[in-house]
C-alpha atoms as a PDB file:
ATOM      1  CA  UNK A   1       0.086  25.883   2.955  1.00  0.00           C
ATOM      2  CA  UNK A   2       1.365  22.341   2.978  1.00  0.00           C
ATOM      3  CA  UNK A   3      -0.785  20.167   0.730  1.00  0.00           C
ATOM      4  CA  UNK A   4       1.589  17.193   0.350  1.00  0.00           C
ATOM      5  CA  UNK A   5       3.079  15.964   3.608  1.00  0.00           C
ATOM      6  CA  UNK A   6       5.756  13.255   3.530  1.00  0.00           C
ATOM      7  CA  UNK A   7       6.242  11.320   6.771  1.00  0.00           C
ATOM      8  CA  UNK A   8       9.013   8.726   7.155  1.00  0.00           C
ATOM      9  CA  UNK A   9       8.021   6.018   9.661  1.00  0.00           C
ATOM     10  CA  UNK A  10      10.056   3.372  11.437  1.00  0.00           C
ATOM     11  CA  UNK A  11       7.785   2.276  14.272  1.00  0.00           C
ATOM     12  CA  UNK A  12       9.676   4.203  16.955  1.00  0.00           C
ATOM     13  CA  UNK A  13       8.064   6.579  19.420  1.00  0.00           C
ATOM     14  CA  UNK A  14       9.542   9.665  17.690  1.00  0.00           C
ATOM     15  CA  UNK A  15       8.219   8.359  14.375  1.00  0.00           C
ATOM     16  CA  UNK A  16       4.736   8.009  15.857  1.00  0.00           C
ATOM     17  CA  UNK A  17       4.995  11.561  17.219  1.00  0.00           C
ATOM     18  CA  UNK A  18       5.879  12.658  13.672  1.00  0.00           C
ATOM     19  CA  UNK A  19       2.766  10.966  12.296  1.00  0.00           C
ATOM     20  CA  UNK A  20       0.639  12.724  14.913  1.00  0.00           C
ATOM     21  CA  UNK A  21       2.165  16.105  14.008  1.00  0.00           C
ATOM     22  CA  UNK A  22       1.600  15.458  10.301  1.00  0.00           C
ATOM     23  CA  UNK A  23      -2.062  14.741  11.069  1.00  0.00           C
ATOM     24  CA  UNK A  24      -2.365  18.142  12.779  1.00  0.00           C
ATOM     25  CA  UNK A  25      -0.799  19.872   9.783  1.00  0.00           C
ATOM     26  CA  UNK A  26      -2.982  17.956   7.311  1.00  0.00           C
ATOM     27  CA  UNK A  27      -6.144  18.868   9.214  1.00  0.00           C
ATOM     28  CA  UNK A  28      -5.230  22.551   9.132  1.00  0.00           C
ATOM     29  CA  UNK A  29      -4.176  22.582   5.488  1.00  0.00           C
ATOM     30  CA  UNK A  30      -6.554  19.917   4.157  1.00  0.00           C
ATOM     31  CA  UNK A  31      -3.390  18.238   2.927  1.00  0.00           C
ATOM     32  CA  UNK A  32      -2.585  14.676   1.965  1.00  0.00           C
ATOM     33  CA  UNK A  33      -0.119  12.439   3.768  1.00  0.00           C
ATOM     34  CA  UNK A  34       2.323   9.930   2.320  1.00  0.00           C
ATOM     35  CA  UNK A  35       3.842   7.525   4.841  1.00  0.00           C
ATOM     36  CA  UNK A  36       7.155   5.995   3.788  1.00  0.00           C
ATOM     37  CA  UNK A  37       9.376   3.377   5.332  1.00  0.00           C
ATOM     38  CA  UNK A  38      12.901   2.725   4.144  1.00  0.00           C
ATOM     39  CA  UNK A  39      13.959  -0.835   4.782  1.00  0.00           C
ATOM     40  CA  UNK A  40      17.547  -1.918   4.512  1.00  0.00           C
ATOM     41  CA  UNK A  41      18.188  -5.592   3.951  1.00  0.00           C
ATOM     42  CA  UNK A  42      21.945  -4.978   4.057  1.00  0.00           C
ATOM     43  CA  UNK A  43      21.667  -5.083   7.848  1.00  0.00           C
ATOM     44  CA  UNK A  44      20.430  -8.669   7.598  1.00  0.00           C
ATOM     45  CA  UNK A  45      23.213  -9.559   5.190  1.00  0.00           C
ATOM     46  CA  UNK A  46      25.821  -8.117   7.563  1.00  0.00           C
ATOM     47  CA  UNK A  47      24.492 -10.287  10.377  1.00  0.00           C
ATOM     48  CA  UNK A  48      25.811 -13.284   8.455  1.00  0.00           C
ATOM     49  CA  UNK A  49      22.497 -14.953   7.686  1.00  0.00           C
ATOM     50  CA  UNK A  50      20.418 -14.009   4.706  1.00  0.00           C
ATOM     51  CA  UNK A  51      17.886 -15.813   2.568  1.00  0.00           C
ATOM     52  CA  UNK A  52      14.773 -15.150   0.529  1.00  0.00           C
ATOM     53  CA  UNK A  53      12.754 -15.864   3.693  1.00  0.00           C
ATOM     54  CA  UNK A  54      14.638 -13.134   5.568  1.00  0.00           C
ATOM     55  CA  UNK A  55      13.902 -10.646   2.788  1.00  0.00           C
ATOM     56  CA  UNK A  56      10.223 -11.591   2.786  1.00  0.00           C
ATOM     57  CA  UNK A  57      10.104 -11.202   6.565  1.00  0.00           C
ATOM     58  CA  UNK A  58      11.696  -7.754   6.350  1.00  0.00           C
ATOM     59  CA  UNK A  59       9.245  -6.689   3.653  1.00  0.00           C
ATOM     60  CA  UNK A  60       6.320  -7.933   5.725  1.00  0.00           C
ATOM     61  CA  UNK A  61       7.563  -5.970   8.740  1.00  0.00           C
ATOM     62  CA  UNK A  62       7.952  -2.870   6.567  1.00  0.00           C
ATOM     63  CA  UNK A  63       4.428  -3.260   5.186  1.00  0.00           C
ATOM     64  CA  UNK A  64       3.068  -3.670   8.718  1.00  0.00           C
ATOM     65  CA  UNK A  65       4.832  -0.476   9.859  1.00  0.00           C
ATOM     66  CA  UNK A  66       3.258   1.663   7.160  1.00  0.00           C
ATOM     67  CA  UNK A  67      -0.143  -0.012   7.620  1.00  0.00           C
ATOM     68  CA  UNK A  68      -0.087   0.732  11.365  1.00  0.00           C
ATOM     69  CA  UNK A  69       0.819   4.360  10.665  1.00  0.00           C
ATOM     70  CA  UNK A  70      -1.926   4.562   8.034  1.00  0.00           C
ATOM     71  CA  UNK A  71      -4.462   3.224  10.533  1.00  0.00           C
ATOM     72  CA  UNK A  72      -3.332   5.904  13.004  1.00  0.00           C
ATOM     73  CA  UNK A  73      -3.944   8.597  10.360  1.00  0.00           C
ATOM     74  CA  UNK A  74      -7.314   7.136   9.368  1.00  0.00           C
ATOM     75  CA  UNK A  75      -8.452   7.100  13.014  1.00  0.00           C
ATOM     76  CA  UNK A  76      -8.186  10.889  12.819  1.00  0.00           C
ATOM     77  CA  UNK A  77     -10.512  11.041   9.812  1.00  0.00           C
ATOM     78  CA  UNK A  78      -7.801  11.498   7.176  1.00  0.00           C
ATOM     79  CA  UNK A  79      -6.453   9.306   4.427  1.00  0.00           C
ATOM     80  CA  UNK A  80      -2.855   8.480   3.597  1.00  0.00           C
ATOM     81  CA  UNK A  81      -1.001   6.575   0.973  1.00  0.00           C
ATOM     82  CA  UNK A  82       2.013   4.448   1.754  1.00  0.00           C
ATOM     83  CA  UNK A  83       5.318   3.449   0.220  1.00  0.00           C
ATOM     84  CA  UNK A  84       8.056   1.034   1.185  1.00  0.00           C
ATOM     85  CA  UNK A  85      11.481   1.836  -0.230  1.00  0.00           C
ATOM     86  CA  UNK A  86      14.204  -0.807  -0.449  1.00  0.00           C
ATOM     87  CA  UNK A  87      17.424   0.963   0.477  1.00  0.00           C
ATOM     88  CA  UNK A  88      19.702  -1.713  -0.979  1.00  0.00           C
ATOM     89  CA  UNK A  89      22.361  -0.393   1.359  1.00  0.00           C
ATOM     90  CA  UNK A  90      21.845   3.258   0.426  1.00  0.00           C
ATOM     91  CA  UNK A  91      21.612   5.994   3.035  1.00  0.00           C
ATOM     92  CA  UNK A  92      18.112   6.255   4.492  1.00  0.00           C
ATOM     93  CA  UNK A  93      18.134  10.057   4.645  1.00  0.00           C
ATOM     94  CA  UNK A  94      19.129  10.298   1.000  1.00  0.00           C
ATOM     95  CA  UNK A  95      16.247   8.036  -0.017  1.00  0.00           C
ATOM     96  CA  UNK A  96      13.762  10.058   2.043  1.00  0.00           C
ATOM     97  CA  UNK A  97      14.857  13.271   0.307  1.00  0.00           C
ATOM     98  CA  UNK A  98      14.643  11.573  -3.102  1.00  0.00           C
ATOM     99  CA  UNK A  99      11.122  10.366  -2.297  1.00  0.00           C
ATOM    100  CA  UNK A 100      10.134  13.901  -1.251  1.00  0.00           C
ATOM    101  CA  UNK A 101      11.442  15.239  -4.561  1.00  0.00           C
ATOM    102  CA  UNK A 102       9.758  12.576  -6.685  1.00  0.00           C
ATOM    103  CA  UNK A 103       6.335  12.694  -5.017  1.00  0.00           C
ATOM    104  CA  UNK A 104       6.671  15.895  -4.753  1.00  0.00           C
ATOM    105  CA  UNK A 105       6.233  16.854  -1.094  1.00  0.00           C
ATOM    106  CA  UNK A 106       5.591  20.363   0.192  1.00  0.00           C
ATOM    107  CA  UNK A 107       6.968  19.489   3.631  1.00  0.00           C
ATOM    108  CA  UNK A 108       8.648  16.565   5.372  1.00  0.00           C
ATOM    109  CA  UNK A 109       7.626  15.737   8.939  1.00  0.00           C
ATOM    110  CA  UNK A 110      10.161  13.459  10.574  1.00  0.00           C
ATOM    111  CA  UNK A 111      10.536  12.146  14.088  1.00  0.00           C
ATOM    112  CA  UNK A 112      13.941  12.371  15.712  1.00  0.00           C
ATOM    113  CA  UNK A 113      15.469  10.689  18.729  1.00  0.00           C
ATOM    114  CA  UNK A 114      17.438  13.854  19.479  1.00  0.00           C
ATOM    115  CA  UNK A 115      20.683  11.986  20.073  1.00  0.00           C
ATOM    116  CA  UNK A 116      23.751  14.061  20.774  1.00  0.00           C
ATOM    117  CA  UNK A 117      27.452  13.545  20.968  1.00  0.00           C
ATOM    118  CA  UNK A 118      28.953  10.125  20.401  1.00  0.00           C
ATOM    119  CA  UNK A 119      25.573   8.371  20.050  1.00  0.00           C
ATOM    120  CA  UNK A 120      24.699  10.615  17.110  1.00  0.00           C
ATOM    121  CA  UNK A 121      28.129  10.148  15.537  1.00  0.00           C
ATOM    122  CA  UNK A 122      28.035   6.375  15.865  1.00  0.00           C
ATOM    123  CA  UNK A 123      24.412   5.851  14.850  1.00  0.00           C
ATOM    124  CA  UNK A 124      24.225   8.677  12.342  1.00  0.00           C
ATOM    125  CA  UNK A 125      21.263  10.944  11.950  1.00  0.00           C
ATOM    126  CA  UNK A 126      18.847  10.484   9.092  1.00  0.00           C
ATOM    127  CA  UNK A 127      16.845  13.461  10.333  1.00  0.00           C
ATOM    128  CA  UNK A 128      19.927  15.678  10.257  1.00  0.00           C
ATOM    129  CA  UNK A 129      20.698  14.594   6.697  1.00  0.00           C
ATOM    130  CA  UNK A 130      17.126  15.355   5.643  1.00  0.00           C
ATOM    131  CA  UNK A 131      17.251  18.814   7.248  1.00  0.00           C
ATOM    132  CA  UNK A 132      20.549  19.636   5.539  1.00  0.00           C
ATOM    133  CA  UNK A 133      19.620  18.445   2.040  1.00  0.00           C
ATOM    134  CA  UNK A 134      15.850  18.647   1.531  1.00  0.00           C
ATOM    135  CA  UNK A 135      14.504  21.160  -0.961  1.00  0.00           C
ATOM    136  CA  UNK A 136      11.339  21.649   1.106  1.00  0.00           C
ATOM    137  CA  UNK A 137      10.740  22.659   4.721  1.00  0.00           C
ATOM    138  CA  UNK A 138      11.358  19.964   7.308  1.00  0.00           C
ATOM    139  CA  UNK A 139       9.497  19.708  10.597  1.00  0.00           C
ATOM    140  CA  UNK A 140      11.465  17.770  13.222  1.00  0.00           C
ATOM    141  CA  UNK A 141       9.359  16.160  15.906  1.00  0.00           C
ATOM    142  CA  UNK A 142      11.228  15.052  18.946  1.00  0.00           C
ATOM    143  CA  UNK A 143      10.127  11.963  20.819  1.00  0.00           C
ATOM    144  CA  UNK A 144       8.594  12.495  24.208  1.00  0.00           C
ATOM    145  CA  UNK A 145      11.170  12.596  26.961  1.00  0.00           C
ATOM    146  CA  UNK A 146      10.831  10.128  29.797  1.00  0.00           C
ATOM    147  CA  UNK A 147      10.564  11.646  33.245  1.00  0.00           C
ATOM    148  CA  UNK A 148      13.797  11.363  35.210  1.00  0.00           C
END
């Protein structure tokens, strides 16, 4: 069974759904959860304004994201450890897979927006990259659809 469950988090609704699914798996397998957030300061640099204060703000936001996810896990009676990875412009999906290899994870549980077509091409898909390249099983958790 899955004893080491890696869960990338970004604060989105699909990410939260991924955390919830990881909790279910961990309860069944008595596994441990590692919550990771990849932050990319290159986005701030590209916006034209960057300083040490911006970096510190981004790091604080990243820390808050993993702490919120950890609290969510702990409310279910489990424990989790956390990691914040500085992408330094690198591809998020690649860093998630590297983290899974280094930890080492038995499974990756990742939320996905389920974008299709042009939106997926323009925005990219970290989840798709993880599915294609991970050396361990990947559970994709789709965000809840809004009623039409």
